[in-house]
PDB file of N, CA and C in Angstrom:
ATOM      1  N   MET A   1      92.613 -38.108-138.637  1.00  0.00           N
ATOM      2  CA  MET A   1      94.304 -38.422-138.563  1.00  0.00           C
ATOM      3  C   MET A   1      94.413 -39.425-138.201  1.00  0.00           C
ATOM      4  N   GLY A   2      92.973 -39.956-136.916  1.00  0.00           N
ATOM      5  CA  GLY A   2      93.020 -41.434-136.178  1.00  0.00           C
ATOM      6  C   GLY A   2      94.175 -41.302-135.729  1.00  0.00           C
ATOM      7  N   LYS A   3      94.759 -40.135-135.011  1.00  0.00           N
ATOM      8  CA  LYS A   3      95.751 -40.303-133.894  1.00  0.00           C
ATOM      9  C   LYS A   3      94.849 -39.241-132.071  1.00  0.00           C
ATOM     10  N   THR A   4      95.225 -39.851-130.802  1.00  0.00           N
ATOM     11  CA  THR A   4      95.599 -39.463-129.664  1.00  0.00           C
ATOM     12  C   THR A   4      95.547 -37.958-129.885  1.00  0.00           C
ATOM     13  N   ILE A   5      94.171 -37.479-129.337  1.00  0.00           N
ATOM     14  CA  ILE A   5      94.279 -36.251-129.471  1.00  0.00           C
ATOM     15  C   ILE A   5      94.672 -35.906-127.614  1.00  0.00           C
ATOM     16  N   VAL A   6      95.646 -34.628-127.106  1.00  0.00           N
ATOM     17  CA  VAL A   6      95.698 -34.044-125.867  1.00  0.00           C
ATOM     18  C   VAL A   6      95.625 -32.735-125.996  1.00  0.00           C
ATOM     19  N   SER A   7      94.214 -31.941-125.691  1.00  0.00           N
ATOM     20  CA  SER A   7      94.799 -30.704-125.481  1.00  0.00           C
ATOM     21  C   SER A   7      94.082 -29.918-124.394  1.00  0.00           C
ATOM     22  N   SER A   8      95.018 -28.774-124.487  1.00  0.00           N
ATOM     23  CA  SER A   8      94.666 -27.832-122.799  1.00  0.00           C
ATOM     24  C   SER A   8      92.858 -27.942-122.934  1.00  0.00           C
ATOM     25  N   ASP A   9      92.470 -27.869-121.708  1.00  0.00           N
ATOM     26  CA  ASP A   9      91.205 -27.117-121.270  1.00  0.00           C
ATOM     27  C   ASP A   9      90.668 -26.078-121.417  1.00  0.00           C
ATOM     28  N   CYS A  10      90.926 -25.158-122.609  1.00  0.00           N
ATOM     29  CA  CYS A  10      91.188 -23.720-122.788  1.00  0.00           C
ATOM     30  C   CYS A  10      88.741 -23.853-123.207  1.00  0.00           C
ATOM     31  N   LYS A  11      89.163 -22.394-122.793  1.00  0.00           N
ATOM     32  CA  LYS A  11      87.741 -22.428-122.643  1.00  0.00           C
ATOM     33  C   LYS A  11      86.839 -22.810-123.559  1.00  0.00           C
ATOM     34  N   ILE A  12      87.017 -22.297-124.781  1.00  0.00           N
ATOM     35  CA  ILE A  12      86.024 -22.819-126.366  1.00  0.00           C
ATOM     36  C   ILE A  12      86.896 -23.414-126.986  1.00  0.00           C
ATOM     37  N   GLY A  13      85.899 -24.746-126.839  1.00  0.00           N
ATOM     38  CA  GLY A  13      86.553 -26.186-128.059  1.00  0.00           C
ATOM     39  C   GLY A  13      86.457 -27.363-127.725  1.00  0.00           C
ATOM     40  N   PRO A  14      87.997 -27.297-126.726  1.00  0.00           N
ATOM     41  CA  PRO A  14      88.788 -28.875-126.605  1.00  0.00           C
ATOM     42  C   PRO A  14      87.581 -29.662-125.648  1.00  0.00           C
ATOM     43  N   ARG A  15      86.861 -29.036-124.643  1.00  0.00           N
ATOM     44  CA  ARG A  15      86.214 -30.085-123.989  1.00  0.00           C
ATOM     45  C   ARG A  15      84.576 -30.040-124.997  1.00  0.00           C
ATOM     46  N   GLU A  16      84.470 -29.234-125.636  1.00  0.00           N
ATOM     47  CA  GLU A  16      83.374 -30.197-126.701  1.00  0.00           C
ATOM     48  C   GLU A  16      82.702 -30.952-127.565  1.00  0.00           C
ATOM     49  N   ILE A  17      84.884 -30.926-127.793  1.00  0.00           N
ATOM     50  CA  ILE A  17      84.747 -31.527-129.213  1.00  0.00           C
ATOM     51  C   ILE A  17      85.179 -33.318-128.206  1.00  0.00           C
ATOM     52  N   LEU A  18      85.843 -32.992-127.334  1.00  0.00           N
ATOM     53  CA  LEU A  18      86.552 -34.330-126.334  1.00  0.00           C
ATOM     54  C   LEU A  18      85.694 -35.061-125.297  1.00  0.00           C
ATOM     55  N   ALA A  19      85.150 -33.779-124.965  1.00  0.00           N
ATOM     56  CA  ALA A  19      83.721 -34.581-123.633  1.00  0.00           C
ATOM     57  C   ALA A  19      82.797 -34.101-124.213  1.00  0.00           C
ATOM     58  N   PRO A  20      82.098 -34.434-124.933  1.00  0.00           N
ATOM     59  CA  PRO A  20      81.313 -33.849-125.241  1.00  0.00           C
ATOM     60  C   PRO A  20      79.513 -33.833-124.704  1.00  0.00           C
ATOM     61  N   ASN A  21      79.475 -34.505-123.334  1.00  0.00           N
ATOM     62  CA  ASN A  21      78.983 -35.445-122.349  1.00  0.00           C
ATOM     63  C   ASN A  21      78.750 -35.205-120.946  1.00  0.00           C
ATOM     64  N   THR A  22      80.026 -33.521-120.914  1.00  0.00           N
ATOM     65  CA  THR A  22      80.331 -33.247-119.630  1.00  0.00           C
ATOM     66  C   THR A  22      79.969 -31.175-119.666  1.00  0.00           C
ATOM     67  N   ASP A  23      79.923 -30.501-118.731  1.00  0.00           N
ATOM     68  CA  ASP A  23      79.758 -29.113-118.707  1.00  0.00           C
ATOM     69  C   ASP A  23      81.077 -29.055-118.743  1.00  0.00           C
ATOM     70  N   PHE A  24      80.461 -27.558-120.141  1.00  0.00           N
ATOM     71  CA  PHE A  24      81.460 -26.984-121.078  1.00  0.00           C
ATOM     72  C   PHE A  24      81.433 -25.875-120.337  1.00  0.00           C
ATOM     73  N   LEU A  25      81.718 -25.547-119.446  1.00  0.00           N
ATOM     74  CA  LEU A  25      81.919 -24.296-118.732  1.00  0.00           C
ATOM     75  C   LEU A  25      82.997 -24.727-117.549  1.00  0.00           C
ATOM     76  N   TYR A  26      83.441 -25.848-117.324  1.00  0.00           N
ATOM     77  CA  TYR A  26      83.894 -26.230-116.331  1.00  0.00           C
ATOM     78  C   TYR A  26      85.712 -26.749-117.236  1.00  0.00           C
ATOM     79  N   GLN A  27      86.527 -26.293-116.549  1.00  0.00           N
ATOM     80  CA  GLN A  27      88.229 -26.339-116.813  1.00  0.00           C
ATOM     81  C   GLN A  27      89.019 -27.299-116.149  1.00  0.00           C
ATOM     82  N   THR A  28      89.367 -28.201-116.518  1.00  0.00           N
ATOM     83  CA  THR A  28      90.015 -29.229-115.624  1.00  0.00           C
ATOM     84  C   THR A  28      91.651 -28.386-114.695  1.00  0.00           C
ATOM     85  N   THR A  29      91.486 -28.965-113.968  1.00  0.00           N
ATOM     86  CA  THR A  29      92.500 -28.639-113.194  1.00  0.00           C
ATOM     87  C   THR A  29      93.637 -30.107-113.030  1.00  0.00           C
ATOM     88  N   LYS A  30      93.492 -31.235-113.955  1.00  0.00           N
ATOM     89  CA  LYS A  30      94.032 -32.473-113.342  1.00  0.00           C
ATOM     90  C   LYS A  30      94.391 -32.914-115.123  1.00  0.00           C
ATOM     91  N   PRO A  31      95.188 -33.649-115.380  1.00  0.00           N
ATOM     92  CA  PRO A  31      94.345 -34.384-116.315  1.00  0.00           C
ATOM     93  C   PRO A  31      93.702 -35.186-116.184  1.00  0.00           C
ATOM     94  N   GLU A  32      92.360 -34.945-117.330  1.00  0.00           N
ATOM     95  CA  GLU A  32      91.260 -35.966-117.415  1.00  0.00           C
ATOM     96  C   GLU A  32      91.214 -36.650-118.846  1.00  0.00           C
ATOM     97  N   LEU A  33      91.017 -37.590-118.538  1.00  0.00           N
ATOM     98  CA  LEU A  33      90.310 -39.095-119.521  1.00  0.00           C
ATOM     99  C   LEU A  33      89.579 -38.836-120.296  1.00  0.00           C
ATOM    100  N   ALA A  34      89.076 -37.702-121.054  1.00  0.00           N
ATOM    101  CA  ALA A  34      88.188 -37.420-121.672  1.00  0.00           C
ATOM    102  C   ALA A  34      87.356 -38.706-123.169  1.00  0.00           C
ATOM    103  N   GLU A  35      85.904 -38.704-123.076  1.00  0.00           N
ATOM    104  CA  GLU A  35      85.554 -39.827-124.382  1.00  0.00           C
ATOM    105  C   GLU A  35      86.395 -40.041-125.478  1.00  0.00           C
ATOM    106  N   TYR A  36      86.772 -38.765-125.908  1.00  0.00           N
ATOM    107  CA  TYR A  36      87.732 -38.864-127.018  1.00  0.00           C
ATOM    108  C   TYR A  36      89.007 -38.130-127.175  1.00  0.00           C
ATOM    109  N   GLY A  37      89.764 -37.985-125.961  1.00  0.00           N
ATOM    110  CA  GLY A  37      90.721 -37.429-125.955  1.00  0.00           C
ATOM    111  C   GLY A  37      90.929 -37.309-124.327  1.00  0.00           C
ATOM    112  N   ILE A  38      92.766 -36.655-124.050  1.00  0.00           N
ATOM    113  CA  ILE A  38      92.947 -36.691-123.399  1.00  0.00           C
ATOM    114  C   ILE A  38      93.096 -34.782-122.598  1.00  0.00           C
ATOM    115  N   LEU A  39      91.786 -34.082-121.787  1.00  0.00           N
ATOM    116  CA  LEU A  39      92.255 -32.750-121.752  1.00  0.00           C
ATOM    117  C   LEU A  39      93.056 -32.122-119.979  1.00  0.00           C
ATOM    118  N   MET A  40      93.769 -31.047-120.418  1.00  0.00           N
ATOM    119  CA  MET A  40      94.435 -31.201-119.402  1.00  0.00           C
ATOM    120  C   MET A  40      94.575 -29.597-119.263  1.00  0.00           C
ATOM    121  N   PRO A  41      95.052 -29.402-117.504  1.00  0.00           N
ATOM    122  CA  PRO A  41      94.996 -28.009-117.253  1.00  0.00           C
ATOM    123  C   PRO A  41      95.922 -26.887-118.094  1.00  0.00           C
ATOM    124  N   THR A  42      95.473 -26.166-118.194  1.00  0.00           N
ATOM    125  CA  THR A  42      95.868 -24.676-119.098  1.00  0.00           C
ATOM    126  C   THR A  42      97.319 -24.103-118.401  1.00  0.00           C
ATOM    127  N   PHE A  43      97.880 -23.972-119.250  1.00  0.00           N
ATOM    128  CA  PHE A  43      98.609 -22.869-118.559  1.00  0.00           C
ATOM    129  C   PHE A  43      98.583 -21.306-117.819  1.00  0.00           C
ATOM    130  N   GLU A  44      99.180 -21.071-117.020  1.00  0.00           N
ATOM    131  CA  GLU A  44      99.340 -19.751-116.138  1.00  0.00           C
ATOM    132  C   GLU A  44      99.398 -19.276-117.376  1.00  0.00           C
ATOM    133  N   ARG A  45      98.781 -17.428-117.481  1.00  0.00           N
ATOM    134  CA  ARG A  45      99.317 -16.877-118.241  1.00  0.00           C
ATOM    135  C   ARG A  45     100.313 -15.343-118.193  1.00  0.00           C
ATOM    136  N   LYS A  46     101.586 -16.059-117.934  1.00  0.00           N
ATOM    137  CA  LYS A  46     102.362 -14.912-117.288  1.00  0.00           C
ATOM    138  C   LYS A  46     104.054 -15.611-118.604  1.00  0.00           C
ATOM    139  N   LEU A  47     104.560 -14.572-118.464  1.00  0.00           N
ATOM    140  CA  LEU A  47     105.947 -14.579-119.700  1.00  0.00           C
ATOM    141  C   LEU A  47     107.053 -15.435-118.652  1.00  0.00           C
ATOM    142  N   LEU A  48     107.242 -16.894-118.526  1.00  0.00           N
ATOM    143  CA  LEU A  48     108.590 -17.537-118.443  1.00  0.00           C
ATOM    144  C   LEU A  48     110.123 -17.750-118.927  1.00  0.00           C
ATOM    145  N   LYS A  49     110.785 -16.991-118.054  1.00  0.00           N
ATOM    146  CA  LYS A  49     112.251 -16.905-118.821  1.00  0.00           C
ATOM    147  C   LYS A  49     112.786 -18.573-118.867  1.00  0.00           C
ATOM    148  N   ALA A  50     113.284 -18.759-120.082  1.00  0.00           N
ATOM    149  CA  ALA A  50     113.820 -20.334-120.142  1.00  0.00           C
ATOM    150  C   ALA A  50     114.777 -20.791-119.346  1.00  0.00           C
ATOM    151  N   ASN A  51     115.652 -20.576-118.155  1.00  0.00           N
ATOM    152  CA  ASN A  51     116.129 -21.078-117.193  1.00  0.00           C
ATOM    153  C   ASN A  51     115.164 -20.817-115.930  1.00  0.00           C
ATOM    154  N   ASP A  52     113.800 -20.570-116.364  1.00  0.00           N
ATOM    155  CA  ASP A  52     112.948 -20.791-115.014  1.00  0.00           C
ATOM    156  C   ASP A  52     112.843 -22.234-114.693  1.00  0.00           C
ATOM    157  N   PRO A  53     112.451 -22.614-113.451  1.00  0.00           N
ATOM    158  CA  PRO A  53     111.748 -23.509-113.055  1.00  0.00           C
ATOM    159  C   PRO A  53     110.772 -23.887-113.670  1.00  0.00           C
ATOM    160  N   LEU A  54     110.549 -25.594-114.008  1.00  0.00           N
ATOM    161  CA  LEU A  54     109.721 -26.268-114.755  1.00  0.00           C
ATOM    162  C   LEU A  54     108.327 -25.374-113.670  1.00  0.00           C
ATOM    163  N   THR A  55     107.038 -25.336-114.114  1.00  0.00           N
ATOM    164  CA  THR A  55     106.140 -25.220-113.358  1.00  0.00           C
ATOM    165  C   THR A  55     105.635 -26.258-112.686  1.00  0.00           C
ATOM    166  N   ASP A  56     104.479 -26.487-111.716  1.00  0.00           N
ATOM    167  CA  ASP A  56     103.515 -27.861-111.460  1.00  0.00           C
ATOM    168  C   ASP A  56     102.672 -27.966-112.749  1.00  0.00           C
ATOM    169  N   THR A  57     102.181 -26.699-113.431  1.00  0.00           N
ATOM    170  CA  THR A  57     101.991 -27.505-115.157  1.00  0.00           C
ATOM    171  C   THR A  57     102.517 -28.183-115.622  1.00  0.00           C
ATOM    172  N   GLU A  58     103.070 -27.414-115.920  1.00  0.00           N
ATOM    173  CA  GLU A  58     104.431 -28.173-116.982  1.00  0.00           C
ATOM    174  C   GLU A  58     104.856 -29.707-116.656  1.00  0.00           C
ATOM    175  N   LYS A  59     104.675 -29.657-115.770  1.00  0.00           N
ATOM    176  CA  LYS A  59     105.590 -30.746-115.267  1.00  0.00           C
ATOM    177  C   LYS A  59     104.192 -32.358-115.557  1.00  0.00           C
ATOM    178  N   VAL A  60     103.058 -31.741-114.932  1.00  0.00           N
ATOM    179  CA  VAL A  60     102.011 -32.669-115.242  1.00  0.00           C
ATOM    180  C   VAL A  60     102.307 -32.904-116.835  1.00  0.00           C
ATOM    181  N   TRP A  61     102.329 -31.836-117.437  1.00  0.00           N
ATOM    182  CA  TRP A  61     102.395 -32.206-118.442  1.00  0.00           C
ATOM    183  C   TRP A  61     102.961 -32.916-119.127  1.00  0.00           C
ATOM    184  N   ILE A  62     104.232 -33.096-118.682  1.00  0.00           N
ATOM    185  CA  ILE A  62     105.234 -33.962-119.015  1.00  0.00           C
ATOM    186  C   ILE A  62     104.773 -35.520-118.708  1.00  0.00           C
ATOM    187  N   GLU A  63     104.453 -35.794-117.252  1.00  0.00           N
ATOM    188  CA  GLU A  63     104.433 -37.566-116.667  1.00  0.00           C
ATOM    189  C   GLU A  63     103.493 -37.036-117.740  1.00  0.00           C
ATOM    190  N   THR A  64     102.107 -36.574-118.270  1.00  0.00           N
ATOM    191  CA  THR A  64     101.268 -37.317-118.832  1.00  0.00           C
ATOM    192  C   THR A  64     101.137 -37.463-120.257  1.00  0.00           C
ATOM    193  N   LEU A  65     101.875 -36.577-120.933  1.00  0.00           N
ATOM    194  CA  LEU A  65     102.625 -37.103-121.833  1.00  0.00           C
ATOM    195  C   LEU A  65     103.668 -38.446-122.433  1.00  0.00           C
ATOM    196  N   ASN A  66     104.496 -38.646-121.117  1.00  0.00           N
ATOM    197  CA  ASN A  66     105.203 -39.321-121.266  1.00  0.00           C
ATOM    198  C   ASN A  66     104.506 -40.897-121.423  1.00  0.00           C
ATOM    199  N   GLU A  67     103.567 -41.191-120.045  1.00  0.00           N
ATOM    200  CA  GLU A  67     102.334 -42.214-119.945  1.00  0.00           C
ATOM    201  C   GLU A  67     101.559 -42.132-120.749  1.00  0.00           C
ATOM    202  N   VAL A  68     101.150 -41.437-122.102  1.00  0.00           N
ATOM    203  CA  VAL A  68      99.697 -41.451-122.787  1.00  0.00           C
ATOM    204  C   VAL A  68     100.814 -42.458-124.032  1.00  0.00           C
ATOM    205  N   LEU A  69     102.056 -41.443-124.528  1.00  0.00           N
ATOM    206  CA  LEU A  69     102.964 -42.275-125.113  1.00  0.00           C
ATOM    207  C   LEU A  69     103.260 -43.935-125.526  1.00  0.00           C
ATOM    208  N   ASN A  70     103.236 -44.520-124.025  1.00  0.00           N
ATOM    209  CA  ASN A  70     104.088 -45.349-122.986  1.00  0.00           C
ATOM    210  C   ASN A  70     103.351 -46.215-122.540  1.00  0.00           C
ATOM    211  N   SER A  71     101.736 -45.984-122.911  1.00  0.00           N
ATOM    212  CA  SER A  71     100.431 -46.722-122.818  1.00  0.00           C
ATOM    213  C   SER A  71      99.805 -47.194-124.402  1.00  0.00           C
ATOM    214  N   GLU A  72     100.172 -48.383-124.459  1.00  0.00           N
ATOM    215  CA  GLU A  72      99.711 -49.172-126.470  1.00  0.00           C
ATOM    216  C   GLU A  72      98.217 -49.003-126.127  1.00  0.00           C
ATOM    217  N   ASN A  73      97.366 -49.280-125.543  1.00  0.00           N
ATOM    218  CA  ASN A  73      96.879 -49.358-124.690  1.00  0.00           C
ATOM    219  C   ASN A  73      95.801 -48.446-124.871  1.00  0.00           C
ATOM    220  N   LEU A  74      95.374 -47.510-124.286  1.00  0.00           N
ATOM    221  CA  LEU A  74      95.422 -46.155-124.139  1.00  0.00           C
ATOM    222  C   LEU A  74      95.754 -45.829-125.985  1.00  0.00           C
ATOM    223  N   LEU A  75      96.606 -45.527-126.212  1.00  0.00           N
ATOM    224  CA  LEU A  75      96.603 -44.522-127.343  1.00  0.00           C
ATOM    225  C   LEU A  75      95.516 -45.975-128.243  1.00  0.00           C
ATOM    226  N   LYS A  76      95.299 -46.997-128.407  1.00  0.00           N
ATOM    227  CA  LYS A  76      94.904 -47.879-129.598  1.00  0.00           C
ATOM    228  C   LYS A  76      93.143 -47.303-129.056  1.00  0.00           C
ATOM    229  N   GLU A  77      93.204 -46.881-127.925  1.00  0.00           N
ATOM    230  CA  GLU A  77      91.575 -47.176-127.708  1.00  0.00           C
ATOM    231  C   GLU A  77      91.146 -45.170-128.166  1.00  0.00           C
ATOM    232  N   TYR A  78      91.895 -44.719-128.462  1.00  0.00           N
ATOM    233  CA  TYR A  78      91.763 -43.326-128.363  1.00  0.00           C
ATOM    234  C   TYR A  78      91.875 -43.008-130.138  1.00  0.00           C
ATOM    235  N   GLU A  79      92.978 -43.822-130.746  1.00  0.00           N
ATOM    236  CA  GLU A  79      93.257 -43.660-132.133  1.00  0.00           C
ATOM    237  C   GLU A  79      91.686 -44.908-132.658  1.00  0.00           C
ATOM    238  N   LEU A  80      91.096 -45.541-131.949  1.00  0.00           N
ATOM    239  CA  LEU A  80      89.586 -46.071-132.793  1.00  0.00           C
ATOM    240  C   LEU A  80      88.684 -44.971-132.821  1.00  0.00           C
ATOM    241  N   LYS A  81      88.941 -44.462-131.678  1.00  0.00           N
ATOM    242  CA  LYS A  81      87.439 -43.902-131.309  1.00  0.00           C
ATOM    243  C   LYS A  81      87.792 -42.441-132.750  1.00  0.00           C
ATOM    244  N   ALA A  82      88.707 -41.898-132.835  1.00  0.00           N
ATOM    245  CA  ALA A  82      89.354 -40.555-133.574  1.00  0.00           C
ATOM    246  C   ALA A  82      88.479 -40.608-134.600  1.00  0.00           C
ATOM    247  N   PRO A  83      88.042 -41.701-135.879  1.00  0.00           N
ATOM    248  CA  PRO A  83      87.396 -41.941-137.091  1.00  0.00           C
ATOM    249  C   PRO A  83      85.466 -41.515-136.295  1.00  0.00           C
ATOM    250  N   THR A  84      85.300 -41.283-135.561  1.00  0.00           N
ATOM    251  CA  THR A  84      84.270 -41.924-135.200  1.00  0.00           C
ATOM    252  C   THR A  84      84.026 -40.582-134.952  1.00  0.00           C
ATOM    253  N   ARG A  85      84.017 -39.884-134.185  1.00  0.00           N
ATOM    254  CA  ARG A  85      84.039 -38.698-133.595  1.00  0.00           C
ATOM    255  C   ARG A  85      84.252 -37.623-134.491  1.00  0.00           C
ATOM    256  N   ALA A  86      85.320 -37.881-135.516  1.00  0.00           N
ATOM    257  CA  ALA A  86      86.201 -36.814-136.441  1.00  0.00           C
ATOM    258  C   ALA A  86      84.351 -36.817-137.202  1.00  0.00           C
ATOM    259  N   ASN A  87      83.625 -37.985-137.951  1.00  0.00           N
ATOM    260  CA  ASN A  87      82.367 -37.839-139.033  1.00  0.00           C
ATOM    261  C   ASN A  87      81.765 -37.131-137.971  1.00  0.00           C
ATOM    262  N   ASP A  88      81.424 -36.946-136.736  1.00  0.00           N
ATOM    263  CA  ASP A  88      80.345 -36.061-135.999  1.00  0.00           C
ATOM    264  C   ASP A  88      80.684 -34.743-136.384  1.00  0.00           C
ATOM    265  N   PHE A  89      82.173 -34.235-137.396  1.00  0.00           N
ATOM    266  CA  PHE A  89      82.004 -32.681-137.732  1.00  0.00           C
ATOM    267  C   PHE A  89      82.186 -32.699-139.403  1.00  0.00           C
ATOM    268  N   HIS A  90      81.791 -33.907-139.889  1.00  0.00           N
ATOM    269  CA  HIS A  90      81.690 -33.669-141.606  1.00  0.00           C
ATOM    270  C   HIS A  90      81.095 -33.077-141.994  1.00  0.00           C
ATOM    271  N   ILE A  91      81.439 -32.495-143.208  1.00  0.00           N
ATOM    272  CA  ILE A  91      80.392 -31.188-143.812  1.00  0.00           C
ATOM    273  C   ILE A  91      79.359 -31.752-143.937  1.00  0.00           C
ATOM    274  N   LYS A  92      78.911 -32.779-144.604  1.00  0.00           N
ATOM    275  CA  LYS A  92      77.649 -32.865-145.087  1.00  0.00           C
ATOM    276  C   LYS A  92      76.615 -32.877-143.555  1.00  0.00           C
ATOM    277  N   LYS A  93      76.692 -32.992-142.518  1.00  0.00           N
ATOM    278  CA  LYS A  93      76.276 -33.202-141.533  1.00  0.00           C
ATOM    279  C   LYS A  93      75.876 -31.551-141.297  1.00  0.00           C
ATOM    280  N   PHE A  94      76.210 -30.861-141.989  1.00  0.00           N
ATOM    281  CA  PHE A  94      76.589 -29.095-141.497  1.00  0.00           C
ATOM    282  C   PHE A  94      75.431 -28.478-142.182  1.00  0.00           C
ATOM    283  N   VAL A  95      75.681 -29.241-144.190  1.00  0.00           N
ATOM    284  CA  VAL A  95      75.447 -28.638-144.708  1.00  0.00           C
ATOM    285  C   VAL A  95      73.687 -29.695-145.979  1.00  0.00           C
ATOM    286  N   ALA A  96      72.212 -28.680-146.141  1.00  0.00           N
ATOM    287  CA  ALA A  96      71.297 -29.090-146.477  1.00  0.00           C
ATOM    288  C   ALA A  96      71.839 -29.496-147.557  1.00  0.00           C
ATOM    289  N   SER A  97      71.475 -31.204-147.819  1.00  0.00           N
ATOM    290  CA  SER A  97      70.932 -31.633-149.329  1.00  0.00           C
ATOM    291  C   SER A  97      70.067 -31.467-150.218  1.00  0.00           C
ATOM    292  N   GLY A  98      70.047 -31.273-150.996  1.00  0.00           N
ATOM    293  CA  GLY A  98      69.101 -30.352-151.993  1.00  0.00           C
ATOM    294  C   GLY A  98      68.988 -31.031-153.527  1.00  0.00           C
TER     295      GLY A  98
END
């Protein structure tokens, strides 16, 4: 799609795709401008009520998304890299030609 990716740095998947040259066992606790997208801290695993105050993690997500959406340079940088990274996962790379 050629868009900037912002993803929670959950245990399996996002880091391998967005930051392939990093330690896959590491999980960020703050926004990380990775090679192919932005990795964000994961949310706590507890049920919150709609009227509960925002958590620190929610505040970090809001601030980071605002910064990203207002940075044409950052958006353009990631959007230019997106097709290259997507091509790394093209089916032709995984299926033997016969």
